[in-house]
Amino acid sequence: MHGWIILDKPLGLGSTQGVSAVKRALRQGGYGKAKVGHGGTLDPLATGVLPIAVGEATKLAGRMLDSDKVYDFTIRFGEQTDTLDAEGKVIATSDVRPTGAALAAVLPRFTGPIEQVPPAYSALKVDGERAYDLARAGEEVVLATRAVTIHSLTVAPAKAGAAASLGDPAAPHAAAPACAGATMESATLTAHVSKGTYIRSLARDIALALGTVGYVTMLRRTKAGPFDLSQAISLDNLYEHAKARTLEQILLPLRAGLDDIPALSLTPDQAGALRQGRVLAGIAAEDGLHFALLGDTPVALVEVGYGNVRVERGFNL
């Protein structure tokens, strides 16, 4: 078993618990032991795309962590919590409610390269301690700003009904009202962001720019690297396949995590040389990363430069 299982992570489940769920499914299905890892942390209070790497795909998990992500998130205006989500206690309030026009006007300020301060309740380390542990202990947490990139930030299309609740993908969006001059209690946005971006911080800063305060009530990741919700399965579906011993039906191939990288076809001799860690010379290929294959079998993730091919990550297949 070498490849990717894409979970539609439910509310309340941590990323490491998602990894444990896949390990358990592999055992239940009689597939034996395999290396398993996740390709991007997703908070327990968030839902959506969680790539789980199995077998040799774990060698690509680090690359997945560096990939862009897309999120839908709802900001509730008028209150700010210490955790910047619905789990925390209220630490600030405001009577100001923004209009749809005001929201649209500030979004360009948060598009492109920006600086943001991560939430105090985050997994970042301060003097060797997790920031959230220090915050829960009542200590003041001061985190440095970080540079991130917001590739796009838009208001999600409005849907009928009440505001979406935290992590509930079935709940309707609470987007900007049809009348741009009407005030809003909440709004749902879609953000395409670089690695390291904290959506809770983005929501906080948008609310502050609107002259009010706010926190995230719903956070759903709809895409992580090349993977999106169309490929994601529920935990129930995962366990059903484990019970039926058909997990290979939902396992995406190892190369699915590299669909943005060109393939490089090898001869048997070239594949053997790369597997021994040798450098290939005189290869006619563009410079950059390539996915080296012998037929349909992945051999390595390689770097091509000036006609030379060097192994970045080798696969034992």
C-alpha atoms as a PDB file:
ATOM      1  CA  MET A   1       0.000   0.000   0.000  1.00  0.00           C
ATOM      2  CA  HIS A   2       1.761   3.137  -1.258  1.00  0.00           C
ATOM      3  CA  GLY A   3      -0.212   6.281  -1.990  1.00  0.00           C
ATOM      4  CA  TRP A   4      -2.712   8.733  -0.530  1.00  0.00           C
ATOM      5  CA  ILE A   5      -5.969   8.437   1.358  1.00  0.00           C
ATOM      6  CA  ILE A   6      -7.738  11.801   1.453  1.00  0.00           C
ATOM      7  CA  LEU A   7      -9.937  12.188   4.505  1.00  0.00           C
ATOM      8  CA  ASP A   8     -12.796  14.630   4.832  1.00  0.00           C
ATOM      9  CA  LYS A   9     -11.821  15.269   8.430  1.00  0.00           C
ATOM     10  CA  PRO A  10     -14.788  15.643  10.760  1.00  0.00           C
ATOM     11  CA  LEU A  11     -15.192  18.204  13.490  1.00  0.00           C
ATOM     12  CA  GLY A  12     -13.298  17.370  16.685  1.00  0.00           C
ATOM     13  CA  LEU A  13     -10.747  15.010  15.148  1.00  0.00           C
ATOM     14  CA  GLY A  14      -7.075  16.028  15.256  1.00  0.00           C
ATOM     15  CA  SER A  15      -4.671  15.396  12.372  1.00  0.00           C
ATOM     16  CA  THR A  16      -2.736  12.775  14.344  1.00  0.00           C
ATOM     17  CA  GLN A  17      -6.041  11.060  15.122  1.00  0.00           C
ATOM     18  CA  GLY A  18      -6.707  10.993  11.381  1.00  0.00           C
ATOM     19  CA  VAL A  19      -3.383   9.202  10.911  1.00  0.00           C
ATOM     20  CA  SER A  20      -4.344   6.737  13.663  1.00  0.00           C
ATOM     21  CA  ALA A  21      -7.697   6.119  11.962  1.00  0.00           C
ATOM     22  CA  VAL A  22      -5.952   5.139   8.706  1.00  0.00           C
ATOM     23  CA  LYS A  23      -3.499   2.898  10.575  1.00  0.00           C
ATOM     24  CA  ARG A  24      -6.432   1.219  12.277  1.00  0.00           C
ATOM     25  CA  ALA A  25      -8.210   0.736   8.954  1.00  0.00           C
ATOM     26  CA  LEU A  26      -5.096  -0.848   7.428  1.00  0.00           C
ATOM     27  CA  ARG A  27      -4.897  -3.285  10.345  1.00  0.00           C
ATOM     28  CA  GLN A  28      -8.610  -4.100  10.149  1.00  0.00           C
ATOM     29  CA  GLY A  29      -8.306  -4.738   6.428  1.00  0.00           C
ATOM     30  CA  GLY A  30      -5.373  -7.088   6.920  1.00  0.00           C
ATOM     31  CA  TYR A  31      -2.936  -4.918   4.982  1.00  0.00           C
ATOM     32  CA  GLY A  32      -0.170  -5.206   7.547  1.00  0.00           C
ATOM     33  CA  LYS A  33       2.002  -2.462   8.959  1.00  0.00           C
ATOM     34  CA  ALA A  34       2.796   0.597   6.862  1.00  0.00           C
ATOM     35  CA  LYS A  35       4.255   4.019   7.435  1.00  0.00           C
ATOM     36  CA  VAL A  36       1.467   6.585   7.692  1.00  0.00           C
ATOM     37  CA  GLY A  37       1.685  10.374   8.006  1.00  0.00           C
ATOM     38  CA  HIS A  38      -0.399  13.446   7.242  1.00  0.00           C
ATOM     39  CA  GLY A  39       0.303  16.146   4.696  1.00  0.00           C
ATOM     40  CA  GLY A  40      -0.807  19.234   6.614  1.00  0.00           C
ATOM     41  CA  THR A  41      -2.126  19.850  10.112  1.00  0.00           C
ATOM     42  CA  LEU A  42      -5.823  20.669  10.392  1.00  0.00           C
ATOM     43  CA  ASP A  43      -7.187  21.951  13.714  1.00  0.00           C
ATOM     44  CA  PRO A  44      -9.697  19.714  15.539  1.00  0.00           C
ATOM     45  CA  LEU A  45     -12.249  22.537  15.180  1.00  0.00           C
ATOM     46  CA  ALA A  46     -11.796  22.579  11.402  1.00  0.00           C
ATOM     47  CA  THR A  47     -13.105  20.123   8.823  1.00  0.00           C
ATOM     48  CA  GLY A  48     -12.183  19.137   5.311  1.00  0.00           C
ATOM     49  CA  VAL A  49      -9.290  17.887   3.217  1.00  0.00           C
ATOM     50  CA  LEU A  50      -6.624  16.013   5.196  1.00  0.00           C
ATOM     51  CA  PRO A  51      -4.158  14.149   2.953  1.00  0.00           C
ATOM     52  CA  ILE A  52      -2.893  10.953   4.593  1.00  0.00           C
ATOM     53  CA  ALA A  53       0.298   9.497   3.101  1.00  0.00           C
ATOM     54  CA  VAL A  54       0.718   5.715   3.169  1.00  0.00           C
ATOM     55  CA  GLY A  55       3.934   3.787   2.613  1.00  0.00           C
ATOM     56  CA  GLU A  56       6.426   5.450   0.270  1.00  0.00           C
ATOM     57  CA  ALA A  57       4.099   8.458  -0.097  1.00  0.00           C
ATOM     58  CA  THR A  58       5.225   9.526   3.391  1.00  0.00           C
ATOM     59  CA  LYS A  59       8.447  10.691   1.708  1.00  0.00           C
ATOM     60  CA  LEU A  60       6.340  13.377   0.017  1.00  0.00           C
ATOM     61  CA  ALA A  61       4.462  14.498   3.133  1.00  0.00           C
ATOM     62  CA  GLY A  62       6.930  17.314   3.756  1.00  0.00           C
ATOM     63  CA  ARG A  63       6.362  18.651   0.273  1.00  0.00           C
ATOM     64  CA  MET A  64       2.614  18.565   0.906  1.00  0.00           C
ATOM     65  CA  LEU A  65       3.109  20.650   4.056  1.00  0.00           C
ATOM     66  CA  ASP A  66       4.667  23.347   1.869  1.00  0.00           C
ATOM     67  CA  SER A  67       1.775  23.424  -0.577  1.00  0.00           C
ATOM     68  CA  ASP A  68      -0.950  26.055  -0.917  1.00  0.00           C
ATOM     69  CA  LYS A  69      -4.300  25.527   0.779  1.00  0.00           C
ATOM     70  CA  VAL A  70      -7.858  26.770   0.154  1.00  0.00           C
ATOM     71  CA  TYR A  71     -10.301  27.413   3.001  1.00  0.00           C
ATOM     72  CA  ASP A  72     -13.892  28.498   3.479  1.00  0.00           C
ATOM     73  CA  PHE A  73     -14.330  30.328   6.779  1.00  0.00           C
ATOM     74  CA  THR A  74     -17.004  32.330   8.559  1.00  0.00           C
ATOM     75  CA  ILE A  75     -16.261  35.410  10.675  1.00  0.00           C
ATOM     76  CA  ARG A  76     -18.751  36.389  13.364  1.00  0.00           C
ATOM     77  CA  PHE A  77     -18.511  40.088  14.092  1.00  0.00           C
ATOM     78  CA  GLY A  78     -18.904  41.846  17.436  1.00  0.00           C
ATOM     79  CA  GLU A  79     -16.880  39.552  19.701  1.00  0.00           C
ATOM     80  CA  GLN A  80     -13.272  38.335  19.856  1.00  0.00           C
ATOM     81  CA  THR A  81     -12.192  35.254  21.780  1.00  0.00           C
ATOM     82  CA  ASP A  82      -8.788  34.405  23.199  1.00  0.00           C
ATOM     83  CA  THR A  83      -8.491  31.444  20.823  1.00  0.00           C
ATOM     84  CA  LEU A  84      -9.925  33.402  17.861  1.00  0.00           C
ATOM     85  CA  ASP A  85     -12.537  30.676  17.407  1.00  0.00           C
ATOM     86  CA  ALA A  86     -15.737  29.524  19.089  1.00  0.00           C
ATOM     87  CA  GLU A  87     -13.875  27.395  21.635  1.00  0.00           C
ATOM     88  CA  GLY A  88     -12.384  30.342  23.541  1.00  0.00           C
ATOM     89  CA  LYS A  89     -13.714  32.895  25.976  1.00  0.00           C
ATOM     90  CA  VAL A  90     -14.776  36.365  24.881  1.00  0.00           C
ATOM     91  CA  ILE A  91     -12.071  38.971  25.543  1.00  0.00           C
ATOM     92  CA  ALA A  92     -13.381  41.916  23.508  1.00  0.00           C
ATOM     93  CA  THR A  93     -16.714  43.159  22.153  1.00  0.00           C
ATOM     94  CA  SER A  94     -17.901  45.811  19.721  1.00  0.00           C
ATOM     95  CA  ASP A  95     -21.283  47.183  18.656  1.00  0.00           C
ATOM     96  CA  VAL A  96     -19.968  47.875  15.158  1.00  0.00           C
ATOM     97  CA  ARG A  97     -21.244  45.655  12.373  1.00  0.00           C
ATOM     98  CA  PRO A  98     -19.737  46.040   8.899  1.00  0.00           C
ATOM     99  CA  THR A  99     -21.604  46.369   5.638  1.00  0.00           C
ATOM    100  CA  GLY A 100     -21.047  44.199   2.616  1.00  0.00           C
ATOM    101  CA  ALA A 101     -19.515  47.174   0.820  1.00  0.00           C
ATOM    102  CA  ALA A 102     -17.084  47.807   3.685  1.00  0.00           C
ATOM    103  CA  LEU A 103     -16.019  44.175   3.702  1.00  0.00           C
ATOM    104  CA  ALA A 104     -15.415  44.165  -0.043  1.00  0.00           C
ATOM    105  CA  ALA A 105     -13.390  47.362   0.288  1.00  0.00           C
ATOM    106  CA  VAL A 106     -10.911  45.973   2.854  1.00  0.00           C
ATOM    107  CA  LEU A 107     -10.269  42.572   1.272  1.00  0.00           C
ATOM    108  CA  PRO A 108      -7.638  43.891  -1.189  1.00  0.00           C
ATOM    109  CA  ARG A 109      -5.574  44.968   1.843  1.00  0.00           C
ATOM    110  CA  PHE A 110      -5.302  41.291   2.804  1.00  0.00           C
ATOM    111  CA  THR A 111      -4.492  39.965  -0.651  1.00  0.00           C
ATOM    112  CA  GLY A 112      -0.946  39.297  -1.791  1.00  0.00           C
ATOM    113  CA  PRO A 113       2.115  39.211   0.504  1.00  0.00           C
ATOM    114  CA  ILE A 114       1.119  40.220   4.041  1.00  0.00           C
ATOM    115  CA  GLU A 115       2.487  40.062   7.565  1.00  0.00           C
ATOM    116  CA  GLN A 116       0.394  38.398  10.263  1.00  0.00           C
ATOM    117  CA  VAL A 117       0.753  37.575  13.944  1.00  0.00           C
ATOM    118  CA  PRO A 118      -0.123  33.918  14.625  1.00  0.00           C
ATOM    119  CA  PRO A 119      -2.741  33.136  17.286  1.00  0.00           C
ATOM    120  CA  ALA A 120      -1.498  32.715  20.857  1.00  0.00           C
ATOM    121  CA  TYR A 121      -3.341  29.387  20.805  1.00  0.00           C
ATOM    122  CA  SER A 122      -1.185  27.770  18.133  1.00  0.00           C
ATOM    123  CA  ALA A 123       1.335  24.927  17.947  1.00  0.00           C
ATOM    124  CA  LEU A 124       4.265  27.284  17.424  1.00  0.00           C
ATOM    125  CA  LYS A 125       7.024  26.971  20.007  1.00  0.00           C
ATOM    126  CA  VAL A 126       8.167  29.721  22.377  1.00  0.00           C
ATOM    127  CA  ASP A 127      11.379  28.858  24.251  1.00  0.00           C
ATOM    128  CA  GLY A 128      10.741  25.194  23.569  1.00  0.00           C
ATOM    129  CA  GLU A 129       7.128  25.255  24.755  1.00  0.00           C
ATOM    130  CA  ARG A 130       3.991  25.098  22.628  1.00  0.00           C
ATOM    131  CA  ALA A 131       2.300  28.496  22.493  1.00  0.00           C
ATOM    132  CA  TYR A 132      -1.103  27.002  23.302  1.00  0.00           C
ATOM    133  CA  ASP A 133       0.278  25.336  26.442  1.00  0.00           C
ATOM    134  CA  LEU A 134       1.635  28.660  27.669  1.00  0.00           C
ATOM    135  CA  ALA A 135      -1.615  30.446  26.801  1.00  0.00           C
ATOM    136  CA  ARG A 136      -3.714  27.853  28.627  1.00  0.00           C
ATOM    137  CA  ALA A 137      -1.450  28.277  31.659  1.00  0.00           C
ATOM    138  CA  GLY A 138      -2.332  31.957  31.700  1.00  0.00           C
ATOM    139  CA  GLU A 139       1.047  33.196  30.499  1.00  0.00           C
ATOM    140  CA  GLU A 140       1.348  36.051  28.053  1.00  0.00           C
ATOM    141  CA  VAL A 141       2.329  34.761  24.633  1.00  0.00           C
ATOM    142  CA  VAL A 142       4.116  37.093  22.230  1.00  0.00           C
ATOM    143  CA  LEU A 143       4.673  35.663  18.763  1.00  0.00           C
ATOM    144  CA  ALA A 144       6.657  37.282  15.986  1.00  0.00           C
ATOM    145  CA  THR A 145       4.945  38.344  12.781  1.00  0.00           C
ATOM    146  CA  ARG A 146       5.387  36.071   9.810  1.00  0.00           C
ATOM    147  CA  ALA A 147       5.283  36.692   6.089  1.00  0.00           C
ATOM    148  CA  VAL A 148       2.575  34.775   4.224  1.00  0.00           C
ATOM    149  CA  THR A 149       0.830  35.145   0.898  1.00  0.00           C
ATOM    150  CA  ILE A 150      -2.914  35.348   0.327  1.00  0.00           C
ATOM    151  CA  HIS A 151      -3.286  34.442  -3.332  1.00  0.00           C
ATOM    152  CA  SER A 152      -6.995  35.254  -3.391  1.00  0.00           C
ATOM    153  CA  LEU A 153      -9.651  36.299  -0.874  1.00  0.00           C
ATOM    154  CA  THR A 154     -13.300  36.519  -1.865  1.00  0.00           C
ATOM    155  CA  VAL A 155     -16.723  36.620  -0.260  1.00  0.00           C
ATOM    156  CA  ALA A 156     -18.458  33.285  -0.699  1.00  0.00           C
ATOM    157  CA  PRO A 157     -21.833  33.250  -2.495  1.00  0.00           C
ATOM    158  CA  ALA A 158     -24.697  33.784  -0.068  1.00  0.00           C
ATOM    159  CA  LYS A 159     -27.010  30.885   0.715  1.00  0.00           C
ATOM    160  CA  ALA A 160     -30.366  30.964   2.374  1.00  0.00           C
ATOM    161  CA  GLY A 161     -30.683  30.249   6.068  1.00  0.00           C
ATOM    162  CA  ALA A 162     -28.837  30.953   9.275  1.00  0.00           C
ATOM    163  CA  ALA A 163     -25.104  31.433   9.759  1.00  0.00           C
ATOM    164  CA  ALA A 164     -22.848  28.444   9.415  1.00  0.00           C
ATOM    165  CA  SER A 165     -21.686  26.881  12.653  1.00  0.00           C
ATOM    166  CA  LEU A 166     -18.095  25.948  13.385  1.00  0.00           C
ATOM    167  CA  GLY A 167     -16.936  23.036  11.312  1.00  0.00           C
ATOM    168  CA  ASP A 168     -20.390  22.149   9.975  1.00  0.00           C
ATOM    169  CA  PRO A 169     -19.971  21.740   6.213  1.00  0.00           C
ATOM    170  CA  ALA A 170     -23.699  21.221   5.799  1.00  0.00           C
ATOM    171  CA  ALA A 171     -24.586  24.535   7.427  1.00  0.00           C
ATOM    172  CA  PRO A 172     -25.381  27.308   4.949  1.00  0.00           C
ATOM    173  CA  HIS A 173     -22.953  30.125   4.306  1.00  0.00           C
ATOM    174  CA  ALA A 174     -23.419  33.457   6.052  1.00  0.00           C
ATOM    175  CA  ALA A 175     -21.993  35.668   3.352  1.00  0.00           C
ATOM    176  CA  ALA A 176     -22.449  39.331   2.563  1.00  0.00           C
ATOM    177  CA  PRO A 177     -26.114  40.273   2.146  1.00  0.00           C
ATOM    178  CA  ALA A 178     -27.502  41.144  -1.258  1.00  0.00           C
ATOM    179  CA  CYS A 179     -27.697  44.807  -0.242  1.00  0.00           C
ATOM    180  CA  ALA A 180     -24.118  46.026   0.089  1.00  0.00           C
ATOM    181  CA  GLY A 181     -25.244  48.758   2.474  1.00  0.00           C
ATOM    182  CA  ALA A 182     -26.859  46.379   4.965  1.00  0.00           C
ATOM    183  CA  THR A 183     -24.909  45.437   8.082  1.00  0.00           C
ATOM    184  CA  MET A 184     -23.832  41.870   8.759  1.00  0.00           C
ATOM    185  CA  GLU A 185     -23.557  39.743  11.857  1.00  0.00           C
ATOM    186  CA  SER A 186     -21.238  37.364  10.016  1.00  0.00           C
ATOM    187  CA  ALA A 187     -19.708  36.688   6.623  1.00  0.00           C
ATOM    188  CA  THR A 188     -18.205  33.678   4.880  1.00  0.00           C
ATOM    189  CA  LEU A 189     -15.104  34.010   2.735  1.00  0.00           C
ATOM    190  CA  THR A 190     -12.882  31.776   0.619  1.00  0.00           C
ATOM    191  CA  ALA A 191      -9.109  32.140   0.882  1.00  0.00           C
ATOM    192  CA  HIS A 192      -6.352  30.589  -1.238  1.00  0.00           C
ATOM    193  CA  VAL A 193      -3.253  30.876   0.934  1.00  0.00           C
ATOM    194  CA  SER A 194       0.404  29.925   1.182  1.00  0.00           C
ATOM    195  CA  LYS A 195       1.826  27.593   3.781  1.00  0.00           C
ATOM    196  CA  GLY A 196       1.984  28.975   7.301  1.00  0.00           C
ATOM    197  CA  THR A 197      -1.124  31.138   6.990  1.00  0.00           C
ATOM    198  CA  TYR A 198      -3.405  31.231  10.031  1.00  0.00           C
ATOM    199  CA  ILE A 199      -7.021  31.738   9.008  1.00  0.00           C
ATOM    200  CA  ARG A 200      -7.976  32.679  12.572  1.00  0.00           C
ATOM    201  CA  SER A 201      -5.448  35.525  12.469  1.00  0.00           C
ATOM    202  CA  LEU A 202      -6.714  36.575   9.052  1.00  0.00           C
ATOM    203  CA  ALA A 203     -10.281  36.719  10.372  1.00  0.00           C
ATOM    204  CA  ARG A 204      -9.181  38.719  13.412  1.00  0.00           C
ATOM    205  CA  ASP A 205      -7.329  41.236  11.272  1.00  0.00           C
ATOM    206  CA  ILE A 206     -10.156  41.646   8.768  1.00  0.00           C
ATOM    207  CA  ALA A 207     -12.571  42.402  11.617  1.00  0.00           C
ATOM    208  CA  LEU A 208     -10.173  44.946  13.115  1.00  0.00           C
ATOM    209  CA  ALA A 209      -9.766  46.623   9.722  1.00  0.00           C
ATOM    210  CA  LEU A 210     -13.559  46.974   9.646  1.00  0.00           C
ATOM    211  CA  GLY A 211     -13.517  48.809  12.977  1.00  0.00           C
ATOM    212  CA  THR A 212     -14.908  45.896  14.942  1.00  0.00           C
ATOM    213  CA  VAL A 213     -13.770  42.536  16.347  1.00  0.00           C
ATOM    214  CA  GLY A 214     -14.521  38.992  15.263  1.00  0.00           C
ATOM    215  CA  TYR A 215     -13.680  35.310  15.462  1.00  0.00           C
ATOM    216  CA  VAL A 216     -13.980  32.212  13.293  1.00  0.00           C
ATOM    217  CA  THR A 217     -17.137  30.148  13.669  1.00  0.00           C
ATOM    218  CA  MET A 218     -16.603  27.823  10.706  1.00  0.00           C
ATOM    219  CA  LEU A 219     -13.383  26.654   9.055  1.00  0.00           C
ATOM    220  CA  ARG A 220     -13.329  24.124   6.244  1.00  0.00           C
ATOM    221  CA  ARG A 221     -10.344  23.226   4.085  1.00  0.00           C
ATOM    222  CA  THR A 222     -11.515  22.563   0.549  1.00  0.00           C
ATOM    223  CA  LYS A 223      -8.109  21.973  -1.042  1.00  0.00           C
ATOM    224  CA  ALA A 224      -4.595  21.016   0.065  1.00  0.00           C
ATOM    225  CA  GLY A 225      -1.974  20.986  -2.663  1.00  0.00           C
ATOM    226  CA  PRO A 226      -3.412  18.935  -5.547  1.00  0.00           C
ATOM    227  CA  PHE A 227      -6.125  17.302  -3.411  1.00  0.00           C
ATOM    228  CA  ASP A 228      -9.671  18.615  -2.996  1.00  0.00           C
ATOM    229  CA  LEU A 229     -13.003  17.577  -1.516  1.00  0.00           C
ATOM    230  CA  SER A 230     -13.967  15.589  -4.624  1.00  0.00           C
ATOM    231  CA  GLN A 231     -11.296  13.037  -3.641  1.00  0.00           C
ATOM    232  CA  ALA A 232     -12.017  13.046   0.097  1.00  0.00           C
ATOM    233  CA  ILE A 233     -13.854  10.295   1.974  1.00  0.00           C
ATOM    234  CA  SER A 234     -15.536  10.203   5.348  1.00  0.00           C
ATOM    235  CA  LEU A 235     -14.311   8.136   8.284  1.00  0.00           C
ATOM    236  CA  ASP A 236     -17.381   5.908   7.905  1.00  0.00           C
ATOM    237  CA  ASN A 237     -16.457   5.281   4.274  1.00  0.00           C
ATOM    238  CA  LEU A 238     -12.862   4.531   5.316  1.00  0.00           C
ATOM    239  CA  TYR A 239     -13.964   1.914   7.841  1.00  0.00           C
ATOM    240  CA  GLU A 240     -16.458   0.377   5.411  1.00  0.00           C
ATOM    241  CA  HIS A 241     -13.648  -0.196   2.910  1.00  0.00           C
ATOM    242  CA  ALA A 242     -11.426  -1.570   5.675  1.00  0.00           C
ATOM    243  CA  LYS A 243     -14.118  -4.039   6.692  1.00  0.00           C
ATOM    244  CA  ALA A 244     -14.602  -5.087   3.064  1.00  0.00           C
ATOM    245  CA  ARG A 245     -10.814  -5.202   2.541  1.00  0.00           C
ATOM    246  CA  THR A 246     -11.095  -2.827  -0.428  1.00  0.00           C
ATOM    247  CA  LEU A 247      -8.918   0.057   0.767  1.00  0.00           C
ATOM    248  CA  GLU A 248      -6.958  -0.067  -2.492  1.00  0.00           C
ATOM    249  CA  GLN A 249     -10.106   1.278  -4.177  1.00  0.00           C
ATOM    250  CA  ILE A 250      -9.810   4.581  -2.314  1.00  0.00           C
ATOM    251  CA  LEU A 251      -6.002   4.755  -2.315  1.00  0.00           C
ATOM    252  CA  LEU A 252      -4.784   7.389  -4.751  1.00  0.00           C
ATOM    253  CA  PRO A 253      -1.463   6.595  -6.450  1.00  0.00           C
ATOM    254  CA  LEU A 254       1.771   8.024  -5.103  1.00  0.00           C
ATOM    255  CA  ARG A 255       2.093  10.271  -8.136  1.00  0.00           C
ATOM    256  CA  ALA A 256      -1.257  11.948  -7.339  1.00  0.00           C
ATOM    257  CA  GLY A 257       0.665  14.142  -4.912  1.00  0.00           C
ATOM    258  CA  LEU A 258       2.941  15.263  -7.727  1.00  0.00           C
ATOM    259  CA  ASP A 259       0.494  16.108 -10.488  1.00  0.00           C
ATOM    260  CA  ASP A 260       2.108  19.525 -10.906  1.00  0.00           C
ATOM    261  CA  ILE A 261       5.510  17.965 -11.669  1.00  0.00           C
ATOM    262  CA  PRO A 262       6.436  16.658 -15.148  1.00  0.00           C
ATOM    263  CA  ALA A 263       7.199  12.968 -15.526  1.00  0.00           C
ATOM    264  CA  LEU A 264      10.603  11.730 -16.655  1.00  0.00           C
ATOM    265  CA  SER A 265      10.638   8.298 -18.309  1.00  0.00           C
ATOM    266  CA  LEU A 266      13.658   6.120 -17.600  1.00  0.00           C
ATOM    267  CA  THR A 267      15.284   3.101 -19.158  1.00  0.00           C
ATOM    268  CA  PRO A 268      15.932   0.119 -16.874  1.00  0.00           C
ATOM    269  CA  ASP A 269      19.634   1.028 -16.711  1.00  0.00           C
ATOM    270  CA  GLN A 270      18.859   4.639 -15.784  1.00  0.00           C
ATOM    271  CA  ALA A 271      16.397   3.517 -13.111  1.00  0.00           C
ATOM    272  CA  GLY A 272      18.998   1.168 -11.654  1.00  0.00           C
ATOM    273  CA  ALA A 273      21.578   3.948 -11.541  1.00  0.00           C
ATOM    274  CA  LEU A 274      19.225   6.315  -9.715  1.00  0.00           C
ATOM    275  CA  ARG A 275      18.287   3.612  -7.230  1.00  0.00           C
ATOM    276  CA  GLN A 276      21.987   3.321  -6.440  1.00  0.00           C
ATOM    277  CA  GLY A 277      22.172   7.057  -5.840  1.00  0.00           C
ATOM    278  CA  ARG A 278      24.174   7.798  -8.968  1.00  0.00           C
ATOM    279  CA  VAL A 279      23.815  10.945 -11.066  1.00  0.00           C
ATOM    280  CA  LEU A 280      22.551  10.629 -14.626  1.00  0.00           C
ATOM    281  CA  ALA A 281      24.274  12.848 -17.176  1.00  0.00           C
ATOM    282  CA  GLY A 282      23.238  14.064 -20.609  1.00  0.00           C
ATOM    283  CA  ILE A 283      19.500  13.854 -20.000  1.00  0.00           C
ATOM    284  CA  ALA A 284      17.378  15.987 -22.333  1.00  0.00           C
ATOM    285  CA  ALA A 285      14.883  17.496 -19.885  1.00  0.00           C
ATOM    286  CA  GLU A 286      14.038  20.959 -18.595  1.00  0.00           C
ATOM    287  CA  ASP A 287      15.698  22.050 -15.371  1.00  0.00           C
ATOM    288  CA  GLY A 288      13.671  21.576 -12.185  1.00  0.00           C
ATOM    289  CA  LEU A 289      11.856  18.836 -10.316  1.00  0.00           C
ATOM    290  CA  HIS A 290      10.676  15.760 -12.197  1.00  0.00           C
ATOM    291  CA  PHE A 291       8.893  12.545 -11.262  1.00  0.00           C
ATOM    292  CA  ALA A 292      11.091   9.732 -12.583  1.00  0.00           C
ATOM    293  CA  LEU A 293       9.287   6.595 -13.734  1.00  0.00           C
ATOM    294  CA  LEU A 294      10.246   3.193 -15.082  1.00  0.00           C
ATOM    295  CA  GLY A 295       7.120   2.351 -17.033  1.00  0.00           C
ATOM    296  CA  ASP A 296       4.368   3.006 -14.475  1.00  0.00           C
ATOM    297  CA  THR A 297       6.608   2.397 -11.456  1.00  0.00           C
ATOM    298  CA  PRO A 298       7.751   5.480  -9.502  1.00  0.00           C
ATOM    299  CA  VAL A 299      11.525   5.527  -9.077  1.00  0.00           C
ATOM    300  CA  ALA A 300      12.348   8.886  -7.543  1.00  0.00           C
ATOM    301  CA  LEU A 301      11.601  12.558  -7.248  1.00  0.00           C
ATOM    302  CA  VAL A 302      14.589  14.074  -9.047  1.00  0.00           C
ATOM    303  CA  GLU A 303      16.166  17.454  -9.696  1.00  0.00           C
ATOM    304  CA  VAL A 304      17.321  18.121 -13.245  1.00  0.00           C
ATOM    305  CA  GLY A 305      19.997  20.727 -13.861  1.00  0.00           C
ATOM    306  CA  TYR A 306      22.120  21.257 -16.948  1.00  0.00           C
ATOM    307  CA  GLY A 307      21.290  17.774 -18.172  1.00  0.00           C
ATOM    308  CA  ASN A 308      22.235  16.081 -14.898  1.00  0.00           C
ATOM    309  CA  VAL A 309      19.657  14.192 -12.849  1.00  0.00           C
ATOM    310  CA  ARG A 310      20.021  13.865  -9.063  1.00  0.00           C
ATOM    311  CA  VAL A 311      17.722  12.047  -6.669  1.00  0.00           C
ATOM    312  CA  GLU A 312      15.782  14.199  -4.202  1.00  0.00           C
ATOM    313  CA  ARG A 313      13.574  11.421  -2.830  1.00  0.00           C
ATOM    314  CA  GLY A 314      13.968   7.778  -3.827  1.00  0.00           C
ATOM    315  CA  PHE A 315      11.067   5.311  -3.682  1.00  0.00           C
ATOM    316  CA  ASN A 316      11.537   1.682  -2.690  1.00  0.00           C
ATOM    317  CA  LEU A 317       9.031   0.148  -5.063  1.00  0.00           C
END
